[in-house]
Amino acid sequence: MNTRRILAGAVVALAAAGGGVLANHWLTRDSDAAYAAQPDTHQGAVQQLWAAPVTSVDGKPQSLSLLKGRPIVVNFWASWCGPCVEEMPELSQIQRDYANKGIQFVGLGVDSEKNIRTFLQKVKVAYPIYVTGFGGADLARTFGNNAGGLPFTVVIDAKGNIRSTKLGQIDPAALRHTLDTL
């Protein structure tokens, strides 16, 4: 009887481990190529980005269309998203490293104005942060983020072409490689 319980426990453990491996593979299967040049299949998304209603953390309406003609890195994030918060120092460093090349990073907070303002009082970020509210998730979907997950990063070249997208935390080396090709 104990042998059956041990075997049953082993089968459950193996099934759980296998499920974890499959889930990890599914979630990260494109991570190595995530920043490779991709065909621009979501061109309308860039136009929607320029027209998106965003505000500063002080509640003042802003226009992302002012960034047209520049290479930009758009990072969709939220203050309650652990991986988003974890990658912000690295994004800030990369922004500082590439600012002299004219590359602008922008954070789009898929969160409330109050939460973002409170967060930014504690954490310093080297790039502008705008509030999209939960409508930012819909905007991220136009770029191909069908899962609606965060963080989600999009690299757009100066001509308005989507050069890469990445669901999940950035791979700093891969992002730098993409930025070097702009």
Protein backbone atom coordinates (compact mmCIF):
# COMPACT_ATOMS: atom_id res chain seq x y z
CA MET A 1 0.00 0.00 0.00
CA ASN A 2 2.83 2.42 0.80
CA THR A 3 4.47 1.52 -2.51
CA ARG A 4 1.32 2.59 -4.37
CA ARG A 5 1.24 5.92 -2.56
CA ILE A 6 4.90 6.51 -3.29
CA LEU A 7 4.39 5.64 -6.96
CA ALA A 8 1.29 7.83 -7.16
CA GLY A 9 3.19 10.69 -5.54
CA ALA A 10 6.07 10.21 -7.98
CA VAL A 11 3.68 10.27 -10.95
CA VAL A 12 2.06 13.50 -9.69
CA ALA A 13 5.47 15.09 -9.11
CA LEU A 14 6.67 14.11 -12.58
CA ALA A 15 3.48 15.45 -14.17
CA ALA A 16 3.84 18.74 -12.30
CA ALA A 17 7.50 19.05 -13.26
CA GLY A 18 6.70 18.25 -16.89
CA GLY A 19 3.92 20.84 -16.87
CA GLY A 20 6.32 23.40 -15.44
CA VAL A 21 8.88 22.67 -18.15
CA LEU A 22 6.22 22.96 -20.86
CA ALA A 23 4.88 26.21 -19.38
CA ASN A 24 8.39 27.65 -19.20
CA HIS A 25 9.05 26.62 -22.79
CA TRP A 26 5.76 28.15 -23.94
CA LEU A 27 6.36 31.41 -22.08
CA THR A 28 9.98 31.81 -23.18
CA ARG A 29 10.09 30.03 -26.53
CA ASP A 30 10.76 33.22 -28.48
CA SER A 31 12.99 34.93 -25.93
CA ASP A 32 16.22 34.29 -27.85
CA ALA A 33 14.83 35.75 -31.04
CA ALA A 34 12.50 38.26 -29.44
CA TYR A 35 14.58 41.25 -30.45
CA ALA A 36 15.42 40.05 -33.94
CA ALA A 37 14.07 42.12 -36.81
CA GLN A 38 10.50 41.10 -37.37
CA PRO A 39 8.17 41.86 -40.25
CA ASP A 40 6.06 44.86 -39.42
CA THR A 41 2.66 43.18 -39.28
CA HIS A 42 1.18 45.67 -36.83
CA GLN A 43 1.80 48.96 -38.65
CA GLY A 44 -1.58 50.36 -37.57
CA ALA A 45 -0.43 49.94 -33.98
CA VAL A 46 2.18 52.67 -34.40
CA GLN A 47 -0.49 55.08 -35.65
CA GLN A 48 -2.65 54.15 -32.66
CA LEU A 49 0.33 54.78 -30.38
CA TRP A 50 0.76 58.30 -31.75
CA ALA A 51 -2.95 58.98 -31.21
CA ALA A 52 -3.26 57.24 -27.82
CA PRO A 53 -4.66 59.33 -24.98
CA VAL A 54 -1.93 59.49 -22.36
CA THR A 55 -1.32 61.79 -19.43
CA SER A 56 1.67 62.80 -17.39
CA VAL A 57 1.80 61.53 -13.82
CA ASP A 58 0.35 64.94 -12.89
CA GLY A 59 -2.75 64.27 -14.98
CA LYS A 60 -1.88 66.61 -17.86
CA PRO A 61 -2.72 65.35 -21.36
CA GLN A 62 0.35 64.46 -23.42
CA SER A 63 0.94 63.52 -27.05
CA LEU A 64 3.21 60.68 -28.03
CA SER A 65 3.10 61.97 -31.62
CA LEU A 66 5.89 64.34 -30.60
CA LEU A 67 8.16 61.28 -30.74
CA LYS A 68 7.49 60.62 -34.44
CA GLY A 69 10.67 60.47 -36.47
CA ARG A 70 12.79 59.16 -33.61
CA PRO A 71 13.65 55.59 -32.71
CA ILE A 72 11.76 54.74 -29.53
CA VAL A 73 11.49 51.91 -27.05
CA VAL A 74 8.00 51.66 -25.57
CA ASN A 75 7.70 49.70 -22.34
CA PHE A 76 4.22 48.79 -21.13
CA TRP A 77 4.36 48.23 -17.38
CA ALA A 78 2.46 48.52 -14.08
CA SER A 79 3.52 49.32 -10.54
CA TRP A 80 2.01 46.03 -9.29
CA CYS A 81 3.98 43.95 -11.85
CA GLY A 82 7.10 42.49 -10.21
CA PRO A 83 9.01 41.75 -13.45
CA CYS A 84 8.19 45.28 -14.70
CA VAL A 85 9.68 46.86 -11.60
CA GLU A 86 12.70 44.53 -11.74
CA GLU A 87 13.65 45.56 -15.27
CA MET A 88 13.26 49.34 -14.79
CA PRO A 89 16.82 49.99 -13.54
CA GLU A 90 18.22 48.16 -16.59
CA LEU A 91 15.89 50.06 -18.94
CA SER A 92 17.01 53.31 -17.31
CA GLN A 93 20.66 52.39 -17.82
CA ILE A 94 20.12 51.47 -21.46
CA GLN A 95 18.23 54.75 -21.98
CA ARG A 96 21.22 56.67 -20.60
CA ASP A 97 23.62 54.65 -22.78
CA TYR A 98 21.65 55.23 -26.00
CA ALA A 99 20.36 58.78 -25.45
CA ASN A 100 23.27 60.23 -27.44
CA LYS A 101 22.14 58.12 -30.42
CA GLY A 102 18.71 59.78 -30.30
CA ILE A 103 16.89 56.73 -28.98
CA GLN A 104 14.09 57.61 -26.58
CA PHE A 105 12.56 55.23 -24.07
CA VAL A 106 8.98 55.74 -22.90
CA GLY A 107 7.15 53.95 -20.12
CA LEU A 108 3.40 53.50 -20.55
CA GLY A 109 1.83 52.73 -17.21
CA VAL A 110 -1.08 50.33 -17.48
CA ASP A 111 -2.13 51.43 -14.03
CA SER A 112 -3.81 54.27 -12.18
CA GLU A 113 -2.30 57.74 -12.05
CA LYS A 114 -2.16 57.56 -8.25
CA ASN A 115 -0.31 54.22 -8.21
CA ILE A 116 2.22 55.41 -10.78
CA ARG A 117 2.83 58.71 -9.00
CA THR A 118 3.37 56.89 -5.68
CA PHE A 119 5.69 54.39 -7.35
CA LEU A 120 7.79 57.12 -9.02
CA GLN A 121 8.28 58.85 -5.67
CA LYS A 122 10.15 55.73 -4.55
CA VAL A 123 11.85 54.62 -7.79
CA LYS A 124 13.71 56.98 -10.11
CA VAL A 125 13.36 56.26 -13.82
CA ALA A 126 15.59 57.85 -16.50
CA TYR A 127 12.87 58.12 -19.15
CA PRO A 128 9.41 59.68 -19.34
CA ILE A 129 6.52 57.76 -17.84
CA TYR A 130 2.99 58.32 -19.06
CA VAL A 131 -0.30 56.97 -17.76
CA THR A 132 -2.49 54.95 -20.12
CA GLY A 133 -4.69 53.37 -17.50
CA PHE A 134 -5.97 49.92 -18.23
CA GLY A 135 -6.63 50.97 -21.85
CA GLY A 136 -2.88 50.55 -22.30
CA ALA A 137 -3.42 46.80 -22.37
CA ASP A 138 -5.62 47.24 -25.45
CA LEU A 139 -2.91 49.35 -27.07
CA ALA A 140 -0.32 46.65 -26.30
CA ARG A 141 -2.59 44.09 -27.98
CA THR A 142 -2.44 46.08 -31.22
CA PHE A 143 1.31 45.40 -31.18
CA GLY A 144 0.67 41.66 -30.93
CA ASN A 145 0.53 41.20 -27.15
CA ASN A 146 -2.52 38.95 -27.36
CA ALA A 147 -1.85 37.56 -23.89
CA GLY A 148 -2.19 41.04 -22.39
CA GLY A 149 0.84 40.31 -20.20
CA LEU A 150 3.33 42.73 -18.70
CA PRO A 151 5.99 43.87 -19.13
CA PHE A 152 5.77 44.26 -22.88
CA THR A 153 8.42 46.16 -24.84
CA VAL A 154 8.27 47.43 -28.41
CA VAL A 155 11.16 48.90 -30.42
CA ILE A 156 10.10 51.28 -33.21
CA ASP A 157 12.62 52.74 -35.65
CA ALA A 158 12.74 56.37 -36.84
CA LYS A 159 10.58 55.51 -39.86
CA GLY A 160 7.82 54.16 -37.63
CA ASN A 161 8.51 50.49 -38.33
CA ILE A 162 8.20 47.99 -35.52
CA ARG A 163 11.61 46.38 -35.21
CA SER A 164 10.88 44.05 -32.31
CA THR A 165 8.48 43.16 -29.53
CA LYS A 166 9.12 41.32 -26.29
CA LEU A 167 6.60 39.95 -23.82
CA GLY A 168 8.22 39.50 -20.43
CA GLN A 169 11.37 40.96 -18.96
CA ILE A 170 13.89 42.31 -21.39
CA ASP A 171 17.13 40.56 -22.22
CA PRO A 172 19.48 43.57 -21.96
CA ALA A 173 22.06 42.16 -24.40
CA ALA A 174 19.41 41.34 -27.01
CA LEU A 175 17.79 44.77 -26.63
CA ARG A 176 21.16 46.49 -27.00
CA HIS A 177 21.83 44.42 -30.13
CA THR A 178 18.52 45.58 -31.65
CA LEU A 179 19.22 49.20 -30.73
CA ASP A 180 22.67 48.96 -32.33
CA THR A 181 21.00 48.08 -35.64
CA LEU A 182 18.75 51.17 -35.67
